[in-house]
Amino acid sequence: MTIATSRGHTTDTTAPAPERVSETKPTPNERRRYARKSVSRPCKIFHCPSRRYLSARTCDLSSGGALIHLEDGRPISPGEEVLMVVDWTGRTIVPADRMVHGTVVRVAGAIGRHQSIGLQFAQATELAAVA
């Protein structure tokens, strides 16, 4: 996947792997407001503090947020702002206007160069409905 920005920059990634999708509804003991779907798709995270793109893969998505597995060893902290774009089509270029703004709300411990983060989207989105 390549992301085209308004400044003409692009970022390349490898070809998308097959996706897996299953839906999980919030249980009464969970704080989630939206049903989530288990979706494994390649994505890119633009880490606003470092102004760098990070290769990643979605783990699950909802209208309010996402669990993302990062393939980069750069540490990310709760409260940091990011932009996320998911490669739904396998196209080589993904328009930057498809990016979704979010805040890191949870960070799982890093294993080697891999880290999982929980994102809360700035606005509820139908991103998971596309899955």
N, C-alpha and C. Protein backbone atom coordinates (compact mmCIF):
# COMPACT_ATOMS: atom_id res chain seq x y z
N MET A 1 0.85 -1.16 0.00
CA MET A 1 0.00 0.00 0.00
C MET A 1 0.89 1.22 0.00
N THR A 2 0.55 2.24 -0.76
CA THR A 2 1.26 3.51 -0.78
C THR A 2 0.27 4.58 -0.40
N ILE A 3 0.69 5.47 0.49
CA ILE A 3 -0.17 6.58 0.91
C ILE A 3 0.31 7.83 0.19
N ALA A 4 -0.60 8.50 -0.51
CA ALA A 4 -0.28 9.74 -1.19
C ALA A 4 -0.74 10.90 -0.33
N THR A 5 0.17 11.80 0.01
CA THR A 5 -0.18 12.94 0.85
C THR A 5 -0.32 14.19 0.00
N SER A 6 -0.83 15.25 0.60
CA SER A 6 -1.01 16.50 -0.12
C SER A 6 0.33 17.12 -0.50
N ARG A 7 1.41 16.72 0.16
CA ARG A 7 2.74 17.25 -0.16
C ARG A 7 3.46 16.41 -1.20
N GLY A 8 2.79 15.38 -1.73
CA GLY A 8 3.38 14.55 -2.76
C GLY A 8 4.25 13.42 -2.24
N HIS A 9 4.32 13.22 -0.95
CA HIS A 9 5.09 12.13 -0.37
C HIS A 9 4.30 10.84 -0.51
N THR A 10 5.02 9.73 -0.63
CA THR A 10 4.36 8.43 -0.67
C THR A 10 5.08 7.47 0.25
N THR A 11 4.38 6.45 0.70
CA THR A 11 4.93 5.41 1.56
C THR A 11 4.50 4.07 0.99
N ASP A 12 5.45 3.16 0.78
CA ASP A 12 5.15 1.84 0.22
C ASP A 12 5.07 0.78 1.31
N THR A 13 4.24 -0.23 1.09
CA THR A 13 4.18 -1.40 1.95
C THR A 13 4.07 -2.63 1.09
N THR A 14 4.07 -3.78 1.72
CA THR A 14 3.97 -5.04 0.99
C THR A 14 2.53 -5.33 0.60
N ALA A 15 2.33 -6.34 -0.22
CA ALA A 15 0.99 -6.72 -0.68
C ALA A 15 0.14 -7.17 0.49
N PRO A 16 -1.17 -6.90 0.46
CA PRO A 16 -2.05 -7.27 1.56
C PRO A 16 -2.24 -8.77 1.67
N ALA A 17 -2.35 -9.22 2.91
CA ALA A 17 -2.65 -10.63 3.18
C ALA A 17 -4.16 -10.78 3.25
N PRO A 18 -4.66 -11.99 3.16
CA PRO A 18 -6.11 -12.19 3.26
C PRO A 18 -6.63 -11.69 4.61
N GLU A 19 -7.84 -11.16 4.61
CA GLU A 19 -8.39 -10.66 5.86
C GLU A 19 -9.26 -11.71 6.54
N ARG A 20 -9.34 -11.57 7.86
CA ARG A 20 -10.23 -12.41 8.66
C ARG A 20 -11.20 -11.47 9.35
N VAL A 21 -12.49 -11.80 9.33
CA VAL A 21 -13.49 -10.93 9.94
C VAL A 21 -14.44 -11.76 10.79
N SER A 22 -14.65 -11.34 12.03
CA SER A 22 -15.71 -11.89 12.88
C SER A 22 -16.15 -10.78 13.82
N GLU A 23 -17.43 -10.78 14.20
CA GLU A 23 -17.97 -9.69 15.01
C GLU A 23 -18.16 -10.13 16.45
N THR A 24 -17.82 -9.23 17.38
CA THR A 24 -18.01 -9.45 18.80
C THR A 24 -18.80 -8.28 19.37
N LYS A 25 -19.91 -8.56 20.01
CA LYS A 25 -20.71 -7.51 20.64
C LYS A 25 -20.20 -7.26 22.05
N PRO A 26 -20.30 -6.00 22.53
CA PRO A 26 -19.85 -5.71 23.90
C PRO A 26 -20.66 -6.51 24.92
N THR A 27 -19.99 -7.01 25.94
CA THR A 27 -20.68 -7.70 27.03
C THR A 27 -21.06 -6.67 28.09
N PRO A 28 -21.97 -7.00 29.01
CA PRO A 28 -22.41 -6.02 30.02
C PRO A 28 -21.26 -5.49 30.88
N ASN A 29 -20.19 -6.26 31.08
CA ASN A 29 -19.08 -5.82 31.92
C ASN A 29 -18.03 -4.99 31.19
N GLU A 30 -18.16 -4.82 29.89
CA GLU A 30 -17.19 -4.06 29.11
C GLU A 30 -17.58 -2.59 29.04
N ARG A 31 -16.58 -1.74 28.86
CA ARG A 31 -16.81 -0.31 28.73
C ARG A 31 -17.03 0.10 27.28
N ARG A 32 -16.86 -0.82 26.34
CA ARG A 32 -17.00 -0.49 24.92
C ARG A 32 -18.43 -0.07 24.61
N ARG A 33 -18.56 0.93 23.75
CA ARG A 33 -19.88 1.40 23.32
C ARG A 33 -20.29 0.82 21.98
N TYR A 34 -19.32 0.31 21.23
CA TYR A 34 -19.57 -0.15 19.87
C TYR A 34 -19.19 -1.62 19.72
N ALA A 35 -19.96 -2.33 18.90
CA ALA A 35 -19.59 -3.71 18.56
C ALA A 35 -18.27 -3.67 17.80
N ARG A 36 -17.43 -4.66 18.04
CA ARG A 36 -16.15 -4.69 17.34
C ARG A 36 -16.09 -5.89 16.42
N LYS A 37 -15.29 -5.75 15.38
CA LYS A 37 -15.09 -6.83 14.42
C LYS A 37 -13.62 -7.20 14.42
N SER A 38 -13.36 -8.50 14.45
CA SER A 38 -12.00 -8.98 14.33
C SER A 38 -11.62 -8.89 12.85
N VAL A 39 -10.72 -7.98 12.52
CA VAL A 39 -10.35 -7.73 11.14
C VAL A 39 -8.83 -7.64 11.06
N SER A 40 -8.23 -8.46 10.23
CA SER A 40 -6.78 -8.43 10.02
C SER A 40 -6.50 -7.89 8.62
N ARG A 41 -6.08 -6.61 8.56
CA ARG A 41 -5.76 -5.94 7.29
C ARG A 41 -4.51 -5.10 7.47
N PRO A 42 -3.69 -4.97 6.43
CA PRO A 42 -2.55 -4.07 6.54
C PRO A 42 -3.03 -2.63 6.69
N CYS A 43 -2.29 -1.85 7.43
CA CYS A 43 -2.64 -0.45 7.61
C CYS A 43 -1.37 0.35 7.85
N LYS A 44 -1.50 1.65 7.83
CA LYS A 44 -0.41 2.56 8.14
C LYS A 44 -0.87 3.48 9.26
N ILE A 45 0.04 3.74 10.16
CA ILE A 45 -0.20 4.69 11.25
C ILE A 45 0.75 5.86 11.04
N PHE A 46 0.22 7.08 10.99
CA PHE A 46 1.07 8.26 10.97
C PHE A 46 1.17 8.72 12.41
N HIS A 47 2.35 8.58 12.99
CA HIS A 47 2.61 8.95 14.39
C HIS A 47 2.90 10.45 14.42
N CYS A 48 1.93 11.25 14.86
CA CYS A 48 2.05 12.72 14.80
C CYS A 48 3.27 13.27 15.54
N PRO A 49 3.59 12.79 16.79
CA PRO A 49 4.76 13.35 17.48
C PRO A 49 6.08 13.19 16.71
N SER A 50 6.28 12.05 16.05
CA SER A 50 7.54 11.82 15.33
C SER A 50 7.43 12.16 13.85
N ARG A 51 6.19 12.39 13.37
CA ARG A 51 5.92 12.68 11.96
C ARG A 51 6.43 11.56 11.05
N ARG A 52 6.26 10.30 11.51
CA ARG A 52 6.70 9.13 10.74
C ARG A 52 5.53 8.19 10.51
N TYR A 53 5.57 7.48 9.38
CA TYR A 53 4.61 6.43 9.10
C TYR A 53 5.14 5.12 9.65
N LEU A 54 4.25 4.32 10.24
CA LEU A 54 4.61 3.03 10.81
C LEU A 54 3.78 1.95 10.14
N SER A 55 4.41 0.85 9.76
CA SER A 55 3.69 -0.29 9.20
C SER A 55 2.94 -0.99 10.32
N ALA A 56 1.73 -1.42 10.04
CA ALA A 56 0.91 -2.04 11.07
C ALA A 56 -0.11 -2.97 10.44
N ARG A 57 -0.89 -3.61 11.31
CA ARG A 57 -1.97 -4.51 10.89
C ARG A 57 -3.10 -4.35 11.90
N THR A 58 -4.33 -4.27 11.40
CA THR A 58 -5.47 -4.19 12.30
C THR A 58 -5.67 -5.55 12.97
N CYS A 59 -6.11 -5.54 14.21
CA CYS A 59 -6.51 -6.77 14.92
C CYS A 59 -8.02 -6.79 15.07
N ASP A 60 -8.57 -5.66 15.54
CA ASP A 60 -10.03 -5.52 15.56
C ASP A 60 -10.39 -4.05 15.38
N LEU A 61 -11.61 -3.83 14.90
CA LEU A 61 -12.11 -2.49 14.61
C LEU A 61 -13.52 -2.33 15.15
N SER A 62 -13.85 -1.11 15.53
CA SER A 62 -15.23 -0.75 15.86
C SER A 62 -15.44 0.66 15.35
N SER A 63 -16.64 1.17 15.49
CA SER A 63 -16.91 2.55 15.06
C SER A 63 -16.18 3.55 15.94
N GLY A 64 -15.78 3.13 17.14
CA GLY A 64 -15.13 4.05 18.08
C GLY A 64 -13.63 3.89 18.23
N GLY A 65 -13.05 2.82 17.67
CA GLY A 65 -11.62 2.64 17.83
C GLY A 65 -11.10 1.38 17.19
N ALA A 66 -9.84 1.06 17.49
CA ALA A 66 -9.19 -0.10 16.87
C ALA A 66 -8.08 -0.63 17.75
N LEU A 67 -7.80 -1.91 17.60
CA LEU A 67 -6.61 -2.52 18.18
C LEU A 67 -5.68 -2.77 17.01
N ILE A 68 -4.47 -2.23 17.11
CA ILE A 68 -3.51 -2.25 16.01
C ILE A 68 -2.23 -2.92 16.48
N HIS A 69 -1.65 -3.78 15.63
CA HIS A 69 -0.37 -4.42 15.91
C HIS A 69 0.69 -3.72 15.05
N LEU A 70 1.60 -3.00 15.70
CA LEU A 70 2.65 -2.27 15.00
C LEU A 70 3.83 -3.18 14.72
N GLU A 71 4.43 -2.99 13.56
CA GLU A 71 5.59 -3.78 13.16
C GLU A 71 6.88 -2.98 13.32
N ASP A 72 6.82 -1.89 14.06
CA ASP A 72 7.96 -0.99 14.23
C ASP A 72 8.32 -0.93 15.71
N GLY A 73 9.58 -0.85 16.01
CA GLY A 73 10.02 -0.81 17.40
C GLY A 73 9.94 0.55 18.05
N ARG A 74 9.51 1.58 17.33
CA ARG A 74 9.43 2.93 17.91
C ARG A 74 8.38 2.94 19.01
N PRO A 75 8.77 3.33 20.24
CA PRO A 75 7.79 3.31 21.33
C PRO A 75 6.70 4.36 21.14
N ILE A 76 5.49 3.95 21.47
CA ILE A 76 4.32 4.84 21.40
C ILE A 76 3.70 4.85 22.79
N SER A 77 3.21 6.02 23.21
CA SER A 77 2.68 6.18 24.56
C SER A 77 1.21 6.57 24.53
N PRO A 78 0.46 6.20 25.58
CA PRO A 78 -0.93 6.64 25.68
C PRO A 78 -1.01 8.17 25.63
N GLY A 79 -2.05 8.66 24.96
CA GLY A 79 -2.27 10.10 24.84
C GLY A 79 -1.71 10.69 23.55
N GLU A 80 -0.88 9.93 22.83
CA GLU A 80 -0.31 10.45 21.59
C GLU A 80 -1.33 10.39 20.46
N GLU A 81 -1.25 11.37 19.59
CA GLU A 81 -2.16 11.48 18.45
C GLU A 81 -1.59 10.72 17.25
N VAL A 82 -2.48 10.03 16.52
CA VAL A 82 -2.09 9.30 15.31
C VAL A 82 -3.16 9.47 14.25
N LEU A 83 -2.79 9.17 13.02
CA LEU A 83 -3.71 9.04 11.91
C LEU A 83 -3.57 7.62 11.40
N MET A 84 -4.68 6.99 11.03
CA MET A 84 -4.65 5.61 10.58
C MET A 84 -5.38 5.48 9.25
N VAL A 85 -4.82 4.65 8.36
CA VAL A 85 -5.50 4.32 7.12
C VAL A 85 -5.37 2.82 6.91
N VAL A 86 -6.48 2.19 6.53
CA VAL A 86 -6.53 0.74 6.32
C VAL A 86 -6.55 0.46 4.82
N ASP A 87 -5.78 -0.53 4.40
CA ASP A 87 -5.76 -0.95 3.00
C ASP A 87 -6.87 -1.98 2.80
N TRP A 88 -8.05 -1.50 2.36
CA TRP A 88 -9.20 -2.38 2.15
C TRP A 88 -9.17 -3.03 0.78
N THR A 89 -8.54 -2.38 -0.20
CA THR A 89 -8.68 -2.79 -1.59
C THR A 89 -7.45 -3.45 -2.19
N GLY A 90 -6.30 -3.34 -1.55
CA GLY A 90 -5.08 -3.89 -2.12
C GLY A 90 -4.48 -2.98 -3.18
N ARG A 91 -5.00 -1.77 -3.29
CA ARG A 91 -4.45 -0.80 -4.25
C ARG A 91 -3.06 -0.38 -3.79
N THR A 92 -2.28 0.10 -4.73
CA THR A 92 -0.94 0.53 -4.36
C THR A 92 -0.92 1.93 -3.77
N ILE A 93 -1.95 2.73 -4.04
CA ILE A 93 -2.00 4.09 -3.49
C ILE A 93 -3.31 4.27 -2.74
N VAL A 94 -3.20 4.80 -1.53
CA VAL A 94 -4.37 5.09 -0.70
C VAL A 94 -4.39 6.59 -0.44
N PRO A 95 -5.47 7.30 -0.78
CA PRO A 95 -5.51 8.75 -0.58
C PRO A 95 -5.41 9.12 0.90
N ALA A 96 -4.66 10.17 1.19
CA ALA A 96 -4.48 10.61 2.57
C ALA A 96 -5.80 11.06 3.21
N ASP A 97 -6.77 11.48 2.40
CA ASP A 97 -8.04 11.93 2.98
C ASP A 97 -8.87 10.78 3.56
N ARG A 98 -8.41 9.55 3.39
CA ARG A 98 -9.07 8.38 3.99
C ARG A 98 -8.55 8.10 5.40
N MET A 99 -7.61 8.92 5.88
CA MET A 99 -7.02 8.70 7.20
C MET A 99 -8.00 9.09 8.29
N VAL A 100 -7.98 8.32 9.38
CA VAL A 100 -8.86 8.54 10.53
C VAL A 100 -8.00 9.00 11.69
N HIS A 101 -8.42 10.10 12.33
CA HIS A 101 -7.69 10.65 13.46
C HIS A 101 -8.04 9.90 14.74
N GLY A 102 -7.03 9.59 15.55
CA GLY A 102 -7.27 8.89 16.80
C GLY A 102 -6.23 9.22 17.86
N THR A 103 -6.52 8.76 19.06
CA THR A 103 -5.62 8.93 20.20
C THR A 103 -5.28 7.56 20.75
N VAL A 104 -4.02 7.35 21.09
CA VAL A 104 -3.60 6.10 21.70
C VAL A 104 -4.13 6.08 23.13
N VAL A 105 -4.94 5.07 23.47
CA VAL A 105 -5.51 4.97 24.81
C VAL A 105 -4.94 3.80 25.60
N ARG A 106 -4.29 2.87 24.89
CA ARG A 106 -3.74 1.70 25.57
C ARG A 106 -2.54 1.20 24.78
N VAL A 107 -1.50 0.77 25.51
CA VAL A 107 -0.31 0.23 24.89
C VAL A 107 0.03 -1.08 25.57
N ALA A 108 0.14 -2.14 24.77
CA ALA A 108 0.55 -3.45 25.31
C ALA A 108 2.07 -3.51 25.27
N GLY A 109 2.65 -4.32 26.11
CA GLY A 109 4.10 -4.45 26.15
C GLY A 109 4.67 -4.87 24.81
N ALA A 110 5.81 -4.30 24.48
CA ALA A 110 6.47 -4.62 23.21
C ALA A 110 7.17 -5.97 23.31
N ILE A 111 7.11 -6.72 22.20
CA ILE A 111 7.83 -7.98 22.08
C ILE A 111 8.77 -7.79 20.91
N GLY A 112 10.05 -7.65 21.19
CA GLY A 112 11.01 -7.36 20.14
C GLY A 112 10.68 -6.02 19.53
N ARG A 113 10.48 -6.00 18.21
CA ARG A 113 10.14 -4.76 17.50
C ARG A 113 8.63 -4.61 17.29
N HIS A 114 7.83 -5.47 17.93
CA HIS A 114 6.38 -5.44 17.74
C HIS A 114 5.68 -4.89 18.98
N GLN A 115 4.60 -4.14 18.76
CA GLN A 115 3.85 -3.54 19.85
C GLN A 115 2.39 -3.44 19.43
N SER A 116 1.47 -3.63 20.38
CA SER A 116 0.04 -3.46 20.09
C SER A 116 -0.47 -2.23 20.81
N ILE A 117 -1.32 -1.46 20.11
CA ILE A 117 -1.87 -0.24 20.69
C ILE A 117 -3.38 -0.22 20.49
N GLY A 118 -4.08 0.36 21.45
CA GLY A 118 -5.51 0.59 21.34
C GLY A 118 -5.74 2.04 20.98
N LEU A 119 -6.54 2.28 19.94
CA LEU A 119 -6.85 3.64 19.49
C LEU A 119 -8.30 3.96 19.77
N GLN A 120 -8.54 5.20 20.13
CA GLN A 120 -9.90 5.73 20.21
C GLN A 120 -10.01 6.78 19.12
N PHE A 121 -10.98 6.62 18.22
CA PHE A 121 -11.14 7.57 17.13
C PHE A 121 -11.70 8.88 17.66
N ALA A 122 -11.29 10.00 17.05
CA ALA A 122 -11.76 11.32 17.45
C ALA A 122 -13.26 11.45 17.22
N GLN A 123 -13.76 10.82 16.16
CA GLN A 123 -15.20 10.80 15.86
C GLN A 123 -15.58 9.37 15.51
N ALA A 124 -16.78 8.97 15.92
CA ALA A 124 -17.25 7.64 15.54
C ALA A 124 -17.27 7.58 14.01
N THR A 125 -16.82 6.45 13.48
CA THR A 125 -16.71 6.30 12.04
C THR A 125 -17.28 4.96 11.62
N GLU A 126 -17.62 4.84 10.39
CA GLU A 126 -18.15 3.59 9.85
C GLU A 126 -17.02 2.72 9.30
N LEU A 127 -15.80 2.95 9.75
CA LEU A 127 -14.64 2.21 9.29
C LEU A 127 -14.86 0.70 9.40
N ALA A 128 -15.39 0.25 10.52
CA ALA A 128 -15.60 -1.19 10.72
C ALA A 128 -16.74 -1.72 9.85
N ALA A 129 -17.64 -0.86 9.42
CA ALA A 129 -18.75 -1.32 8.60
C ALA A 129 -18.28 -1.76 7.22
N VAL A 130 -17.13 -1.27 6.79
CA VAL A 130 -16.59 -1.62 5.49
C VAL A 130 -16.06 -3.05 5.50
N ALA A 131 -15.67 -3.52 6.68
CA ALA A 131 -15.04 -4.85 6.81
C ALA A 131 -15.98 -5.96 6.39
